[in-house]
């Protein structure tokens, strides 16, 4: 593998590389032979499929994989040899107009895969003389209120829900079945079973949450709501719909206690 580096700008570089086609063909042949050992095809015993058939079936795919691996390997080696720190992703292009073909190179075809990679590098930052410079150290104070607020956030992140034998209220996780219709006709996305959401998180439309609030497990309700004019589902936006709602489960939130086990977590 050969490579050279061009400087196109302050940070832009281009690496031109070539990989001998003999290496490509060797890798393709090795991979096809490995595939042949396990290949199964009607009329042949496992591992006994002729190489011509293996090559005709998988040759193009294998060659594409080998070419991709060779380009990536060559680029990685080139930037390592040149001690370049690449920023972002390189733009890789064949150096010649005609891209490598899926079939082996014919007589007189290029003996090497030639391509270039254009990319930017990280700038080199040099720190000047800091002798005599003054640096102000920021002072940060953490109050008890901030500690309490953070602990409460951590507790809410570890909330668990337990069955509640009461009507649903804000903060509860409810599990429902629902089916909606417009002018008596069901619509796409208007039906679900065992659908869970937390009341008060505003995942659902306000009318939907209001209908579920106050229901107990096992109760059913029919209610209507109007989809907003700017609703994301354009087919129902601005329309009046009727919903049949069944409350399957009501669960109340339970926060972990501030104990040693919580501190370990």
C-alpha atoms as a PDB file:
ATOM      1  CA  UNK A   1       0.000   0.000   0.000  1.00  0.00           C
ATOM      2  CA  UNK A   2       1.378   3.391  -1.031  1.00  0.00           C
ATOM      3  CA  UNK A   3       0.123   6.824   0.051  1.00  0.00           C
ATOM      4  CA  UNK A   4       1.017  10.502  -0.076  1.00  0.00           C
ATOM      5  CA  UNK A   5      -0.451  13.530   1.703  1.00  0.00           C
ATOM      6  CA  UNK A   6      -1.356  16.877   0.108  1.00  0.00           C
ATOM      7  CA  UNK A   7      -2.097  20.092   2.009  1.00  0.00           C
ATOM      8  CA  UNK A   8      -5.171  21.753   0.468  1.00  0.00           C
ATOM      9  CA  UNK A   9      -5.695  24.433   3.104  1.00  0.00           C
ATOM     10  CA  UNK A  10      -5.008  25.342   6.715  1.00  0.00           C
ATOM     11  CA  UNK A  11      -6.819  22.255   7.968  1.00  0.00           C
ATOM     12  CA  UNK A  12      -7.825  20.379   4.800  1.00  0.00           C
ATOM     13  CA  UNK A  13      -5.737  17.450   3.647  1.00  0.00           C
ATOM     14  CA  UNK A  14      -5.965  14.894   0.861  1.00  0.00           C
ATOM     15  CA  UNK A  15      -4.401  11.464   0.981  1.00  0.00           C
ATOM     16  CA  UNK A  16      -3.882   9.594  -2.297  1.00  0.00           C
ATOM     17  CA  UNK A  17      -3.505   5.850  -1.936  1.00  0.00           C
ATOM     18  CA  UNK A  18      -3.171   2.698  -3.965  1.00  0.00           C
ATOM     19  CA  UNK A  19      -3.710  -0.932  -3.031  1.00  0.00           C
ATOM     20  CA  UNK A  20      -2.322  -3.720  -5.282  1.00  0.00           C
ATOM     21  CA  UNK A  21      -5.116  -5.600  -7.021  1.00  0.00           C
ATOM     22  CA  UNK A  22      -3.221  -8.792  -6.249  1.00  0.00           C
ATOM     23  CA  UNK A  23      -4.034  -8.213  -2.566  1.00  0.00           C
ATOM     24  CA  UNK A  24      -7.702  -7.614  -3.415  1.00  0.00           C
ATOM     25  CA  UNK A  25      -7.927 -10.790  -5.491  1.00  0.00           C
ATOM     26  CA  UNK A  26      -6.175 -12.787  -2.780  1.00  0.00           C
ATOM     27  CA  UNK A  27      -8.670 -11.612  -0.152  1.00  0.00           C
ATOM     28  CA  UNK A  28     -11.647 -12.259  -2.453  1.00  0.00           C
ATOM     29  CA  UNK A  29     -10.398 -15.791  -3.196  1.00  0.00           C
ATOM     30  CA  UNK A  30      -9.845 -16.519   0.514  1.00  0.00           C
ATOM     31  CA  UNK A  31     -13.317 -15.339   1.492  1.00  0.00           C
ATOM     32  CA  UNK A  32     -15.014 -17.282  -1.300  1.00  0.00           C
ATOM     33  CA  UNK A  33     -13.183 -20.451  -0.250  1.00  0.00           C
ATOM     34  CA  UNK A  34     -14.303 -19.893   3.336  1.00  0.00           C
ATOM     35  CA  UNK A  35     -17.910 -19.473   2.156  1.00  0.00           C
ATOM     36  CA  UNK A  36     -17.642 -22.613   0.031  1.00  0.00           C
ATOM     37  CA  UNK A  37     -16.807 -24.745   3.093  1.00  0.00           C
ATOM     38  CA  UNK A  38     -20.258 -24.120   4.595  1.00  0.00           C
ATOM     39  CA  UNK A  39     -22.359 -23.318   1.517  1.00  0.00           C
ATOM     40  CA  UNK A  40     -25.463 -25.450   0.971  1.00  0.00           C
ATOM     41  CA  UNK A  41     -27.180 -25.746  -2.406  1.00  0.00           C
ATOM     42  CA  UNK A  42     -29.680 -28.252  -3.797  1.00  0.00           C
ATOM     43  CA  UNK A  43     -27.928 -31.009  -5.711  1.00  0.00           C
ATOM     44  CA  UNK A  44     -24.633 -30.718  -3.832  1.00  0.00           C
ATOM     45  CA  UNK A  45     -23.400 -31.981  -0.514  1.00  0.00           C
ATOM     46  CA  UNK A  46     -22.604 -29.273   2.089  1.00  0.00           C
ATOM     47  CA  UNK A  47     -19.162 -27.826   1.347  1.00  0.00           C
ATOM     48  CA  UNK A  48     -18.972 -29.436  -2.106  1.00  0.00           C
ATOM     49  CA  UNK A  49     -20.478 -26.637  -4.206  1.00  0.00           C
ATOM     50  CA  UNK A  50     -18.098 -25.834  -7.132  1.00  0.00           C
ATOM     51  CA  UNK A  51     -16.116 -22.628  -6.731  1.00  0.00           C
ATOM     52  CA  UNK A  52     -17.495 -21.285 -10.035  1.00  0.00           C
ATOM     53  CA  UNK A  53     -21.014 -21.429  -8.599  1.00  0.00           C
ATOM     54  CA  UNK A  54     -19.873 -19.920  -5.282  1.00  0.00           C
ATOM     55  CA  UNK A  55     -18.157 -17.075  -7.154  1.00  0.00           C
ATOM     56  CA  UNK A  56     -21.184 -16.479  -9.393  1.00  0.00           C
ATOM     57  CA  UNK A  57     -23.486 -16.361  -6.339  1.00  0.00           C
ATOM     58  CA  UNK A  58     -21.412 -14.336  -3.897  1.00  0.00           C
ATOM     59  CA  UNK A  59     -18.544 -12.898  -5.946  1.00  0.00           C
ATOM     60  CA  UNK A  60     -19.928  -9.382  -6.351  1.00  0.00           C
ATOM     61  CA  UNK A  61     -20.920  -9.104  -2.689  1.00  0.00           C
ATOM     62  CA  UNK A  62     -17.577 -10.420  -1.451  1.00  0.00           C
ATOM     63  CA  UNK A  63     -15.598  -8.173  -3.801  1.00  0.00           C
ATOM     64  CA  UNK A  64     -17.536  -5.126  -2.599  1.00  0.00           C
ATOM     65  CA  UNK A  65     -16.817  -6.039   1.037  1.00  0.00           C
ATOM     66  CA  UNK A  66     -13.117  -6.620   0.344  1.00  0.00           C
ATOM     67  CA  UNK A  67     -12.780  -3.319  -1.521  1.00  0.00           C
ATOM     68  CA  UNK A  68     -14.466  -1.474   1.345  1.00  0.00           C
ATOM     69  CA  UNK A  69     -12.219  -3.092   3.936  1.00  0.00           C
ATOM     70  CA  UNK A  70      -9.109  -2.391   1.839  1.00  0.00           C
ATOM     71  CA  UNK A  71      -9.964   1.299   1.444  1.00  0.00           C
ATOM     72  CA  UNK A  72     -10.635   1.701   5.167  1.00  0.00           C
ATOM     73  CA  UNK A  73      -7.462  -0.141   6.130  1.00  0.00           C
ATOM     74  CA  UNK A  74      -5.345   1.872   3.697  1.00  0.00           C
ATOM     75  CA  UNK A  75      -6.776   5.176   4.920  1.00  0.00           C
ATOM     76  CA  UNK A  76      -6.287   4.279   8.596  1.00  0.00           C
ATOM     77  CA  UNK A  77      -2.675   3.250   7.944  1.00  0.00           C
ATOM     78  CA  UNK A  78      -1.976   6.395   5.891  1.00  0.00           C
ATOM     79  CA  UNK A  79      -3.172   8.844   8.542  1.00  0.00           C
ATOM     80  CA  UNK A  80      -1.343   6.865  11.229  1.00  0.00           C
ATOM     81  CA  UNK A  81       1.912   6.972   9.275  1.00  0.00           C
ATOM     82  CA  UNK A  82       1.505  10.717   8.679  1.00  0.00           C
ATOM     83  CA  UNK A  83       0.567  11.279  12.335  1.00  0.00           C
ATOM     84  CA  UNK A  84      -2.655  13.105  11.375  1.00  0.00           C
ATOM     85  CA  UNK A  85      -5.573  13.667  13.726  1.00  0.00           C
ATOM     86  CA  UNK A  86      -8.658  13.402  11.518  1.00  0.00           C
ATOM     87  CA  UNK A  87     -11.670  15.581  12.334  1.00  0.00           C
ATOM     88  CA  UNK A  88     -14.995  14.265  11.041  1.00  0.00           C
ATOM     89  CA  UNK A  89     -15.433  11.802   8.193  1.00  0.00           C
ATOM     90  CA  UNK A  90     -13.273  11.655   5.048  1.00  0.00           C
ATOM     91  CA  UNK A  91     -14.674  12.019   1.532  1.00  0.00           C
ATOM     92  CA  UNK A  92     -13.335   8.997  -0.321  1.00  0.00           C
ATOM     93  CA  UNK A  93     -13.333   8.946  -4.129  1.00  0.00           C
ATOM     94  CA  UNK A  94     -11.759   6.735  -6.807  1.00  0.00           C
ATOM     95  CA  UNK A  95      -8.722   8.423  -8.278  1.00  0.00           C
ATOM     96  CA  UNK A  96      -9.652   7.324 -11.783  1.00  0.00           C
ATOM     97  CA  UNK A  97     -12.978   7.878 -13.495  1.00  0.00           C
ATOM     98  CA  UNK A  98     -13.876   4.207 -13.798  1.00  0.00           C
ATOM     99  CA  UNK A  99     -14.703   2.524 -10.506  1.00  0.00           C
ATOM    100  CA  UNK A 100     -13.366  -1.015  -9.855  1.00  0.00           C
ATOM    101  CA  UNK A 101     -15.606  -3.628 -11.442  1.00  0.00           C
ATOM    102  CA  UNK A 102     -17.177  -6.588  -9.681  1.00  0.00           C
ATOM    103  CA  UNK A 103     -15.367  -9.030 -12.006  1.00  0.00           C
ATOM    104  CA  UNK A 104     -11.612  -9.708 -11.783  1.00  0.00           C
ATOM    105  CA  UNK A 105      -9.465  -7.241 -13.777  1.00  0.00           C
ATOM    106  CA  UNK A 106      -8.959  -8.254 -17.373  1.00  0.00           C
ATOM    107  CA  UNK A 107      -5.619  -8.234 -19.120  1.00  0.00           C
ATOM    108  CA  UNK A 108      -4.347  -4.661 -19.329  1.00  0.00           C
ATOM    109  CA  UNK A 109      -6.588  -3.510 -16.461  1.00  0.00           C
ATOM    110  CA  UNK A 110      -5.112  -1.375 -13.629  1.00  0.00           C
ATOM    111  CA  UNK A 111      -2.873  -3.382 -11.326  1.00  0.00           C
ATOM    112  CA  UNK A 112      -3.764  -1.256  -8.299  1.00  0.00           C
ATOM    113  CA  UNK A 113      -6.853   0.250  -6.722  1.00  0.00           C
ATOM    114  CA  UNK A 114      -6.212   3.997  -6.630  1.00  0.00           C
ATOM    115  CA  UNK A 115      -8.309   6.414  -4.608  1.00  0.00           C
ATOM    116  CA  UNK A 116      -8.110   9.610  -2.561  1.00  0.00           C
ATOM    117  CA  UNK A 117      -9.546  10.710   0.777  1.00  0.00           C
ATOM    118  CA  UNK A 118     -10.189  14.381   1.529  1.00  0.00           C
ATOM    119  CA  UNK A 119     -10.683  15.432   5.144  1.00  0.00           C
ATOM    120  CA  UNK A 120      -9.885  18.022   7.777  1.00  0.00           C
ATOM    121  CA  UNK A 121      -7.526  17.678  10.720  1.00  0.00           C
ATOM    122  CA  UNK A 122      -7.658  19.148  14.197  1.00  0.00           C
ATOM    123  CA  UNK A 123      -5.671  22.383  14.483  1.00  0.00           C
ATOM    124  CA  UNK A 124      -2.498  22.372  16.505  1.00  0.00           C
ATOM    125  CA  UNK A 125      -2.913  24.624  19.527  1.00  0.00           C
ATOM    126  CA  UNK A 126       0.202  26.009  21.158  1.00  0.00           C
ATOM    127  CA  UNK A 127      -0.041  27.633  24.582  1.00  0.00           C
ATOM    128  CA  UNK A 128       2.052  30.772  24.876  1.00  0.00           C
ATOM    129  CA  UNK A 129       4.111  31.989  27.814  1.00  0.00           C
ATOM    130  CA  UNK A 130       1.855  32.273  30.869  1.00  0.00           C
ATOM    131  CA  UNK A 131       4.557  33.658  33.154  1.00  0.00           C
ATOM    132  CA  UNK A 132       3.130  36.536  35.158  1.00  0.00           C
ATOM    133  CA  UNK A 133      -0.446  35.874  34.077  1.00  0.00           C
ATOM    134  CA  UNK A 134      -3.176  35.869  36.719  1.00  0.00           C
ATOM    135  CA  UNK A 135      -6.019  33.367  36.668  1.00  0.00           C
ATOM    136  CA  UNK A 136      -9.212  33.883  38.643  1.00  0.00           C
ATOM    137  CA  UNK A 137     -10.498  30.732  40.245  1.00  0.00           C
ATOM    138  CA  UNK A 138     -14.325  30.579  40.255  1.00  0.00           C
ATOM    139  CA  UNK A 139     -15.943  29.900  43.599  1.00  0.00           C
ATOM    140  CA  UNK A 140     -19.050  27.741  43.665  1.00  0.00           C
ATOM    141  CA  UNK A 141     -21.242  27.230  46.688  1.00  0.00           C
ATOM    142  CA  UNK A 142     -23.902  24.525  46.954  1.00  0.00           C
ATOM    143  CA  UNK A 143     -26.818  25.240  49.264  1.00  0.00           C
ATOM    144  CA  UNK A 144     -28.957  22.752  51.160  1.00  0.00           C
ATOM    145  CA  UNK A 145     -31.899  23.619  48.886  1.00  0.00           C
ATOM    146  CA  UNK A 146     -29.913  22.618  45.793  1.00  0.00           C
ATOM    147  CA  UNK A 147     -28.898  19.348  47.432  1.00  0.00           C
ATOM    148  CA  UNK A 148     -32.529  18.582  48.305  1.00  0.00           C
ATOM    149  CA  UNK A 149     -33.665  19.413  44.778  1.00  0.00           C
ATOM    150  CA  UNK A 150     -31.055  17.099  43.239  1.00  0.00           C
ATOM    151  CA  UNK A 151     -31.929  14.270  45.620  1.00  0.00           C
ATOM    152  CA  UNK A 152     -35.605  14.633  44.699  1.00  0.00           C
ATOM    153  CA  UNK A 153     -34.734  14.416  40.980  1.00  0.00           C
ATOM    154  CA  UNK A 154     -32.683  11.271  41.635  1.00  0.00           C
ATOM    155  CA  UNK A 155     -35.581   9.724  43.554  1.00  0.00           C
ATOM    156  CA  UNK A 156     -38.039  10.472  40.732  1.00  0.00           C
ATOM    157  CA  UNK A 157     -35.669   8.837  38.254  1.00  0.00           C
ATOM    158  CA  UNK A 158     -35.996   5.636  40.292  1.00  0.00           C
ATOM    159  CA  UNK A 159     -39.761   5.721  40.841  1.00  0.00           C
ATOM    160  CA  UNK A 160     -41.678   2.440  40.943  1.00  0.00           C
ATOM    161  CA  UNK A 161     -45.421   2.021  40.546  1.00  0.00           C
ATOM    162  CA  UNK A 162     -47.623  -0.071  42.826  1.00  0.00           C
ATOM    163  CA  UNK A 163     -51.307  -1.052  42.380  1.00  0.00           C
ATOM    164  CA  UNK A 164     -53.740   1.511  43.798  1.00  0.00           C
ATOM    165  CA  UNK A 165     -57.251   0.603  44.930  1.00  0.00           C
ATOM    166  CA  UNK A 166     -58.642   4.071  44.265  1.00  0.00           C
ATOM    167  CA  UNK A 167     -59.532   6.486  41.499  1.00  0.00           C
ATOM    168  CA  UNK A 168     -56.735   7.646  39.223  1.00  0.00           C
ATOM    169  CA  UNK A 169     -55.139  11.026  39.894  1.00  0.00           C
ATOM    170  CA  UNK A 170     -52.203  13.112  38.655  1.00  0.00           C
ATOM    171  CA  UNK A 171     -48.900  11.232  38.976  1.00  0.00           C
ATOM    172  CA  UNK A 172     -50.523   7.807  38.669  1.00  0.00           C
ATOM    173  CA  UNK A 173     -49.634   5.424  35.879  1.00  0.00           C
ATOM    174  CA  UNK A 174     -52.791   4.123  34.239  1.00  0.00           C
ATOM    175  CA  UNK A 175     -53.219   1.276  31.788  1.00  0.00           C
ATOM    176  CA  UNK A 176     -56.217   1.555  29.465  1.00  0.00           C
ATOM    177  CA  UNK A 177     -57.936   0.137  26.411  1.00  0.00           C
ATOM    178  CA  UNK A 178     -59.491   2.673  24.060  1.00  0.00           C
ATOM    179  CA  UNK A 179     -61.170   2.860  20.685  1.00  0.00           C
ATOM    180  CA  UNK A 180     -62.058   6.054  18.881  1.00  0.00           C
ATOM    181  CA  UNK A 181     -64.348   6.823  15.981  1.00  0.00           C
ATOM    182  CA  UNK A 182     -65.299   9.841  13.883  1.00  0.00           C
ATOM    183  CA  UNK A 183     -68.897   9.950  12.683  1.00  0.00           C
ATOM    184  CA  UNK A 184     -69.184   6.326  13.789  1.00  0.00           C
ATOM    185  CA  UNK A 185     -66.191   5.167  11.755  1.00  0.00           C
ATOM    186  CA  UNK A 186     -62.949   3.946  13.410  1.00  0.00           C
ATOM    187  CA  UNK A 187     -59.797   5.761  12.303  1.00  0.00           C
ATOM    188  CA  UNK A 188     -56.137   4.810  12.041  1.00  0.00           C
ATOM    189  CA  UNK A 189     -54.281   5.096  15.354  1.00  0.00           C
ATOM    190  CA  UNK A 190     -57.496   5.470  17.310  1.00  0.00           C
ATOM    191  CA  UNK A 191     -57.396   2.077  19.010  1.00  0.00           C
ATOM    192  CA  UNK A 192     -55.026   0.522  21.554  1.00  0.00           C
ATOM    193  CA  UNK A 193     -54.974  -2.164  24.226  1.00  0.00           C
ATOM    194  CA  UNK A 194     -52.997  -2.130  27.481  1.00  0.00           C
ATOM    195  CA  UNK A 195     -51.792   1.381  26.727  1.00  0.00           C
ATOM    196  CA  UNK A 196     -49.924   2.884  29.713  1.00  0.00           C
ATOM    197  CA  UNK A 197     -49.229   6.540  30.452  1.00  0.00           C
ATOM    198  CA  UNK A 198     -48.705   8.791  33.481  1.00  0.00           C
ATOM    199  CA  UNK A 199     -51.442  11.284  34.255  1.00  0.00           C
ATOM    200  CA  UNK A 200     -50.159  14.838  34.362  1.00  0.00           C
ATOM    201  CA  UNK A 201     -47.227  14.322  32.005  1.00  0.00           C
ATOM    202  CA  UNK A 202     -49.332  15.716  29.119  1.00  0.00           C
ATOM    203  CA  UNK A 203     -48.518  12.847  26.759  1.00  0.00           C
ATOM    204  CA  UNK A 204     -52.193  12.666  25.868  1.00  0.00           C
ATOM    205  CA  UNK A 205     -54.642  15.367  24.830  1.00  0.00           C
ATOM    206  CA  UNK A 206     -56.127  17.273  27.822  1.00  0.00           C
ATOM    207  CA  UNK A 207     -59.632  15.865  27.232  1.00  0.00           C
ATOM    208  CA  UNK A 208     -58.232  12.324  27.198  1.00  0.00           C
ATOM    209  CA  UNK A 209     -56.365  12.812  30.481  1.00  0.00           C
ATOM    210  CA  UNK A 210     -59.410  14.472  32.036  1.00  0.00           C
ATOM    211  CA  UNK A 211     -61.565  11.484  31.074  1.00  0.00           C
ATOM    212  CA  UNK A 212     -59.121   8.967  32.566  1.00  0.00           C
ATOM    213  CA  UNK A 213     -58.645  10.973  35.755  1.00  0.00           C
ATOM    214  CA  UNK A 214     -61.049   9.835  38.471  1.00  0.00           C
ATOM    215  CA  UNK A 215     -61.664   6.384  36.970  1.00  0.00           C
ATOM    216  CA  UNK A 216     -61.045   3.171  38.894  1.00  0.00           C
ATOM    217  CA  UNK A 217     -59.798  -0.146  37.523  1.00  0.00           C
ATOM    218  CA  UNK A 218     -62.618  -1.962  35.733  1.00  0.00           C
ATOM    219  CA  UNK A 219     -64.619   1.173  34.915  1.00  0.00           C
ATOM    220  CA  UNK A 220     -65.665   2.176  31.396  1.00  0.00           C
ATOM    221  CA  UNK A 221     -66.483   5.567  29.958  1.00  0.00           C
ATOM    222  CA  UNK A 222     -67.485   7.136  26.679  1.00  0.00           C
ATOM    223  CA  UNK A 223     -66.378  10.678  25.988  1.00  0.00           C
ATOM    224  CA  UNK A 224     -65.814  13.077  23.124  1.00  0.00           C
ATOM    225  CA  UNK A 225     -62.897  15.303  22.205  1.00  0.00           C
ATOM    226  CA  UNK A 226     -61.971  17.617  19.391  1.00  0.00           C
ATOM    227  CA  UNK A 227     -58.544  17.160  17.826  1.00  0.00           C
ATOM    228  CA  UNK A 228     -56.607  20.445  17.564  1.00  0.00           C
ATOM    229  CA  UNK A 229     -56.476  22.034  14.119  1.00  0.00           C
ATOM    230  CA  UNK A 230     -52.674  21.672  14.130  1.00  0.00           C
ATOM    231  CA  UNK A 231     -52.727  18.045  15.328  1.00  0.00           C
ATOM    232  CA  UNK A 232     -49.872  15.983  13.842  1.00  0.00           C
ATOM    233  CA  UNK A 233     -52.294  13.408  12.431  1.00  0.00           C
ATOM    234  CA  UNK A 234     -53.623  15.454   9.519  1.00  0.00           C
ATOM    235  CA  UNK A 235     -56.424  12.976   8.745  1.00  0.00           C
ATOM    236  CA  UNK A 236     -58.086  13.703  12.127  1.00  0.00           C
ATOM    237  CA  UNK A 237     -56.911  17.284  12.772  1.00  0.00           C
ATOM    238  CA  UNK A 238     -59.784  19.598  13.697  1.00  0.00           C
ATOM    239  CA  UNK A 239     -62.342  16.770  13.829  1.00  0.00           C
ATOM    240  CA  UNK A 240     -64.667  15.680  16.639  1.00  0.00           C
ATOM    241  CA  UNK A 241     -64.130  12.106  17.844  1.00  0.00           C
ATOM    242  CA  UNK A 242     -65.849   9.767  20.295  1.00  0.00           C
ATOM    243  CA  UNK A 243     -63.823   7.393  22.471  1.00  0.00           C
ATOM    244  CA  UNK A 244     -64.740   4.286  24.456  1.00  0.00           C
ATOM    245  CA  UNK A 245     -62.284   4.062  27.361  1.00  0.00           C
ATOM    246  CA  UNK A 246     -61.720   1.111  29.710  1.00  0.00           C
ATOM    247  CA  UNK A 247     -59.518   1.528  32.779  1.00  0.00           C
ATOM    248  CA  UNK A 248     -57.461  -1.654  33.184  1.00  0.00           C
ATOM    249  CA  UNK A 249     -55.049  -0.658  35.945  1.00  0.00           C
ATOM    250  CA  UNK A 250     -54.265   2.249  38.279  1.00  0.00           C
ATOM    251  CA  UNK A 251     -50.812   2.424  39.863  1.00  0.00           C
ATOM    252  CA  UNK A 252     -49.497   5.058  42.243  1.00  0.00           C
ATOM    253  CA  UNK A 253     -45.884   6.263  42.254  1.00  0.00           C
ATOM    254  CA  UNK A 254     -43.601   5.141  45.061  1.00  0.00           C
ATOM    255  CA  UNK A 255     -40.293   6.929  45.532  1.00  0.00           C
ATOM    256  CA  UNK A 256     -37.324   5.109  47.095  1.00  0.00           C
ATOM    257  CA  UNK A 257     -36.406   6.156  50.653  1.00  0.00           C
ATOM    258  CA  UNK A 258     -33.222   8.148  51.251  1.00  0.00           C
ATOM    259  CA  UNK A 259     -31.276   5.344  52.882  1.00  0.00           C
ATOM    260  CA  UNK A 260     -27.949   3.530  52.524  1.00  0.00           C
ATOM    261  CA  UNK A 261     -29.230   1.409  49.625  1.00  0.00           C
ATOM    262  CA  UNK A 262     -30.257   4.554  47.726  1.00  0.00           C
ATOM    263  CA  UNK A 263     -26.807   6.043  48.351  1.00  0.00           C
ATOM    264  CA  UNK A 264     -25.145   2.930  46.904  1.00  0.00           C
ATOM    265  CA  UNK A 265     -27.204   3.251  43.716  1.00  0.00           C
END
